[in-house]
Amino acid sequence: MIENDSLQTTPRRERRRIVRPSDAEDIDRSVDQPDDSFGTPTSWDNEREVILDDGDTPPPTENDDFWNEERPPHYS
């Protein structure tokens, strides 16, 4: 086995990080923070509104007129 000292790697330089101040300083960015972004599990059911389909909508039409109307214009 041949050992070669020239193959040793040099440590990488630390990257320069640039911090650019925002043009929109007055925007609330608290939503972007990862901590507690979904809230507590007990508040999930209290904050949402679920609308159930009550069955008043008619079933989709199964005739050819309906499907011809829904056909994309480039399809012939």
Protein backbone atom coordinates (compact mmCIF):
# COMPACT_ATOMS: atom_id res chain seq x y z
CA MET A 1 0.00 0.00 0.00
CA ILE A 2 1.38 3.40 -0.95
CA GLU A 3 0.99 6.24 1.50
CA ASN A 4 1.03 9.72 0.10
CA ASP A 5 1.10 12.79 2.32
CA SER A 6 -0.01 15.05 -0.53
CA LEU A 7 -3.51 13.50 -0.48
CA GLN A 8 -4.32 14.91 2.93
CA THR A 9 -7.18 17.36 2.81
CA THR A 10 -7.00 20.81 4.23
CA PRO A 11 -9.83 22.01 6.44
CA ARG A 12 -12.51 23.96 4.62
CA ARG A 13 -12.88 27.64 5.12
CA GLU A 14 -15.90 28.74 7.06
CA ARG A 15 -18.54 30.18 4.76
CA ARG A 16 -19.30 33.83 4.90
CA ARG A 17 -22.88 34.52 5.86
CA ILE A 18 -24.48 37.71 4.73
CA VAL A 19 -27.38 39.17 6.66
CA ARG A 20 -29.60 41.32 4.49
CA PRO A 21 -32.02 43.57 6.32
CA SER A 22 -35.59 43.26 5.13
CA ASP A 23 -37.14 45.95 2.96
CA ALA A 24 -40.45 45.32 4.76
CA GLU A 25 -39.54 45.82 8.40
CA ASP A 26 -43.10 46.24 9.65
CA ILE A 27 -44.32 42.76 8.57
CA ASP A 28 -45.11 40.36 11.40
CA ARG A 29 -42.88 37.32 10.88
CA SER A 30 -43.94 35.45 14.00
CA VAL A 31 -45.68 32.87 11.79
CA ASP A 32 -42.32 31.86 10.34
CA GLN A 33 -41.07 30.67 13.72
CA PRO A 34 -41.12 26.86 14.07
CA ASP A 35 -42.04 26.77 17.75
CA ASP A 36 -45.70 25.99 18.52
CA SER A 37 -46.83 26.61 14.95
CA PHE A 38 -49.79 24.22 15.19
CA GLY A 39 -51.00 25.25 18.62
CA THR A 40 -52.02 22.93 21.37
CA PRO A 41 -53.92 19.74 20.51
CA THR A 42 -56.91 20.83 22.60
CA SER A 43 -57.35 24.01 20.56
CA TRP A 44 -57.49 22.22 17.19
CA ASP A 45 -61.16 21.29 17.46
CA ASN A 46 -62.18 24.63 18.95
CA GLU A 47 -60.77 26.74 16.13
CA ARG A 48 -62.00 24.94 13.04
CA GLU A 49 -65.37 24.88 11.39
CA VAL A 50 -66.44 21.75 9.55
CA ILE A 51 -69.18 22.05 6.95
CA LEU A 52 -70.77 18.72 6.15
CA ASP A 53 -72.40 17.95 2.84
CA ASP A 54 -76.07 17.56 3.66
CA GLY A 55 -76.93 15.74 0.43
CA ASP A 56 -78.84 18.58 -1.27
CA THR A 57 -76.50 18.63 -4.24
CA PRO A 58 -77.61 16.48 -7.16
CA PRO A 59 -75.33 13.64 -8.26
CA PRO A 60 -73.05 14.38 -11.22
CA THR A 61 -74.62 13.91 -14.61
CA GLU A 62 -73.63 10.76 -16.42
CA ASN A 63 -74.73 11.68 -19.93
CA ASP A 64 -72.55 12.60 -22.90
CA ASP A 65 -73.65 16.26 -22.93
CA PHE A 66 -72.04 16.87 -19.56
CA TRP A 67 -68.73 15.29 -20.57
CA ASN A 68 -68.67 17.09 -23.92
CA GLU A 69 -69.13 20.39 -22.12
CA GLU A 70 -66.27 19.59 -19.72
CA ARG A 71 -63.90 18.54 -22.52
CA PRO A 72 -60.82 20.79 -22.85
CA PRO A 73 -60.76 23.03 -25.94
CA HIS A 74 -57.62 21.40 -27.36
CA TYR A 75 -59.19 17.94 -27.27
CA SER A 76 -61.08 16.97 -30.41
